[in-house]
């Protein structure tokens, strides 16, 4: 979503469809167009010499998928895996990767007029470049993630190497 989507009143009738995930007791939204699928946590093969946020790789229908822990990437408290934990398979540019989240709770349609820029206090723990805005729904706030901005170009290249089962420097 761009600045014009947040601020343009002519887009007020535009609905965004979001997959809502929980991370460290907060709700995050990812545009459904970036989500390929949502899966339960399978066995994850650990890879040596990778950054902390890389959990490892999984084999999903004979395709190697790097798995990223968003809580670790965002420097949030990590609750650990449980029965509600999921991997959200997303496309990040030309990369397919899995993002570990505490839970996937729902798919929502949110009007563009209900989305604003994130206040500084929300972006204090997560670099604001990852935040696409904040959705206001009654008494809830949803932090909208910009999947394409979560990783630097260098990190995207490193993750791409994982798809080929190569190790990446920490």
Protein backbone atom coordinates (compact mmCIF):
# COMPACT_ATOMS: atom_id res chain seq x y z
CA UNK A 1 0.00 0.00 0.00
CA UNK A 2 1.32 3.42 -0.84
CA UNK A 3 0.99 6.85 0.74
CA UNK A 4 -1.75 7.62 -1.75
CA UNK A 5 -3.74 4.62 -0.49
CA UNK A 6 -3.46 5.83 3.09
CA UNK A 7 -4.27 9.47 2.37
CA UNK A 8 -6.40 9.46 -0.78
CA UNK A 9 -10.09 9.89 0.01
CA UNK A 10 -11.06 8.65 -3.45
CA UNK A 11 -9.79 5.21 -2.44
CA UNK A 12 -12.03 5.16 0.64
CA UNK A 13 -14.18 2.40 -0.89
CA UNK A 14 -11.15 0.24 -1.65
CA UNK A 15 -11.09 -2.89 0.49
CA UNK A 16 -7.84 -4.58 1.42
CA UNK A 17 -7.98 -8.28 2.14
CA UNK A 18 -5.58 -9.15 4.93
CA UNK A 19 -4.37 -12.34 6.57
CA UNK A 20 -4.24 -11.57 10.31
CA UNK A 21 -1.37 -13.13 12.26
CA UNK A 22 -0.32 -12.88 15.88
CA UNK A 23 3.24 -12.15 16.92
CA UNK A 24 4.19 -11.47 20.53
CA UNK A 25 0.57 -10.71 21.51
CA UNK A 26 0.06 -8.16 18.71
CA UNK A 27 -2.00 -8.50 15.55
CA UNK A 28 -0.32 -8.05 12.18
CA UNK A 29 -1.90 -7.96 8.75
CA UNK A 30 -0.34 -9.16 5.52
CA UNK A 31 -2.01 -8.45 2.20
CA UNK A 32 -3.50 -11.70 0.98
CA UNK A 33 -2.01 -11.14 -2.48
CA UNK A 34 1.45 -11.78 -0.94
CA UNK A 35 0.37 -15.01 0.79
CA UNK A 36 0.68 -18.26 -1.14
CA UNK A 37 -0.49 -20.55 1.66
CA UNK A 38 -0.57 -21.17 5.40
CA UNK A 39 0.74 -24.42 6.84
CA UNK A 40 1.25 -26.10 10.20
CA UNK A 41 4.84 -26.22 11.43
CA UNK A 42 6.60 -29.23 9.87
CA UNK A 43 10.06 -30.46 10.79
CA UNK A 44 12.48 -27.63 10.04
CA UNK A 45 15.99 -28.53 8.93
CA UNK A 46 18.50 -26.30 10.68
CA UNK A 47 21.23 -24.70 8.59
CA UNK A 48 24.56 -23.72 10.17
CA UNK A 49 26.01 -20.23 9.90
CA UNK A 50 22.78 -18.36 9.20
CA UNK A 51 21.37 -15.24 10.87
CA UNK A 52 19.35 -15.78 14.07
CA UNK A 53 16.05 -15.03 12.35
CA UNK A 54 16.48 -17.95 9.90
CA UNK A 55 14.89 -21.03 11.46
CA UNK A 56 16.09 -23.27 8.62
CA UNK A 57 14.50 -24.82 5.55
CA UNK A 58 11.50 -27.03 4.86
CA UNK A 59 10.60 -29.27 1.96
CA UNK A 60 7.17 -28.19 0.70
CA UNK A 61 6.05 -30.40 -2.17
CA UNK A 62 9.66 -30.94 -3.30
CA UNK A 63 10.52 -27.24 -3.15
CA UNK A 64 13.05 -25.96 -0.61
CA UNK A 65 11.53 -23.07 1.36
CA UNK A 66 13.61 -20.93 3.74
CA UNK A 67 11.82 -20.31 7.04
CA UNK A 68 12.13 -16.97 8.82
CA UNK A 69 11.06 -16.27 12.40
CA UNK A 70 9.43 -12.83 12.29
CA UNK A 71 9.54 -12.34 16.07
CA UNK A 72 13.32 -12.81 16.01
CA UNK A 73 13.69 -10.65 12.87
CA UNK A 74 11.69 -7.85 14.51
CA UNK A 75 13.51 -8.28 17.85
CA UNK A 76 10.25 -9.11 19.65
CA UNK A 77 9.79 -11.58 22.49
CA UNK A 78 9.62 -15.08 21.08
CA UNK A 79 6.87 -17.22 22.58
CA UNK A 80 8.23 -20.44 21.07
CA UNK A 81 6.26 -22.84 18.91
CA UNK A 82 2.92 -24.29 19.98
CA UNK A 83 -0.18 -25.92 18.42
CA UNK A 84 -1.36 -22.54 17.09
CA UNK A 85 1.96 -21.64 15.42
CA UNK A 86 1.93 -21.52 11.64
CA UNK A 87 4.19 -20.83 8.71
CA UNK A 88 2.82 -18.26 6.29
CA UNK A 89 4.31 -18.92 2.86
CA UNK A 90 4.79 -15.58 1.12
CA UNK A 91 6.34 -14.15 -2.00
CA UNK A 92 8.98 -11.54 -1.26
CA UNK A 93 9.87 -10.16 -4.66
CA UNK A 94 11.06 -13.22 -6.58
CA UNK A 95 11.64 -15.26 -3.42
CA UNK A 96 9.25 -17.70 -1.77
CA UNK A 97 9.81 -17.92 1.99
CA UNK A 98 7.99 -19.08 5.08
CA UNK A 99 7.35 -16.76 8.03
CA UNK A 100 6.82 -18.34 11.44
CA UNK A 101 4.00 -16.63 13.36
CA UNK A 102 2.39 -17.42 16.71
CA UNK A 103 -1.02 -17.92 15.08
CA UNK A 104 -3.09 -17.06 12.03
CA UNK A 105 -6.46 -15.91 13.30
CA UNK A 106 -8.54 -14.74 10.34
CA UNK A 107 -8.82 -13.13 6.94
CA UNK A 108 -10.34 -9.64 7.05
CA UNK A 109 -11.46 -7.03 4.58
CA UNK A 110 -10.44 -3.57 5.76
CA UNK A 111 -11.47 -0.34 4.11
CA UNK A 112 -8.56 1.84 3.02
CA UNK A 113 -10.16 4.72 4.93
CA UNK A 114 -9.62 2.75 8.16
CA UNK A 115 -5.86 2.63 7.61
CA UNK A 116 -3.50 5.33 8.86
CA UNK A 117 0.21 5.84 9.18
CA UNK A 118 1.68 4.06 12.18
CA UNK A 119 2.30 6.29 15.22
CA UNK A 120 5.90 6.48 16.43
CA UNK A 121 5.15 4.44 19.55
CA UNK A 122 4.08 1.46 17.43
CA UNK A 123 7.12 1.59 15.20
CA UNK A 124 9.56 1.88 18.10
CA UNK A 125 10.22 -1.88 18.24
CA UNK A 126 9.98 -2.55 14.52
CA UNK A 127 11.68 -0.41 11.94
CA UNK A 128 8.97 1.75 10.36
CA UNK A 129 10.00 0.63 6.87
CA UNK A 130 8.32 -2.72 7.62
CA UNK A 131 5.06 -1.03 8.58
CA UNK A 132 2.59 -0.21 5.82
CA UNK A 133 0.10 1.41 8.19
CA UNK A 134 -2.26 0.69 11.06
CA UNK A 135 -5.78 -0.57 10.54
CA UNK A 136 -8.43 0.63 13.00
CA UNK A 137 -11.21 -1.88 13.62
CA UNK A 138 -13.51 -0.94 16.51
CA UNK A 139 -11.29 -1.49 19.57
CA UNK A 140 -8.51 -3.29 17.66
CA UNK A 141 -5.42 -2.04 15.92
CA UNK A 142 -3.82 -4.09 13.17
CA UNK A 143 -0.24 -3.43 12.19
CA UNK A 144 0.02 -3.85 8.41
CA UNK A 145 3.32 -5.32 7.26
CA UNK A 146 4.99 -4.46 3.99
CA UNK A 147 6.39 -7.87 3.08
CA UNK A 148 8.70 -6.46 0.39
CA UNK A 149 10.40 -4.17 2.93
CA UNK A 150 11.05 -6.71 5.69
CA UNK A 151 14.41 -7.65 4.20
CA UNK A 152 17.19 -5.61 2.65
CA UNK A 153 18.23 -6.47 -0.90
CA UNK A 154 21.32 -8.22 0.48
CA UNK A 155 19.18 -10.31 2.85
CA UNK A 156 16.84 -11.22 -0.04
CA UNK A 157 19.84 -12.50 -2.00
CA UNK A 158 20.97 -14.51 1.03
CA UNK A 159 17.51 -16.00 1.50
CA UNK A 160 17.37 -16.83 -2.20
CA UNK A 161 20.55 -18.88 -1.74
CA UNK A 162 18.75 -20.89 0.94
CA UNK A 163 16.16 -21.91 -1.63
CA UNK A 164 19.05 -23.71 -3.30
CA UNK A 165 20.05 -25.19 0.12
CA UNK A 166 23.26 -23.20 0.32
CA UNK A 167 24.39 -21.64 3.57
CA UNK A 168 24.49 -17.90 4.07
CA UNK A 169 26.81 -15.87 6.27
CA UNK A 170 25.51 -14.67 9.62
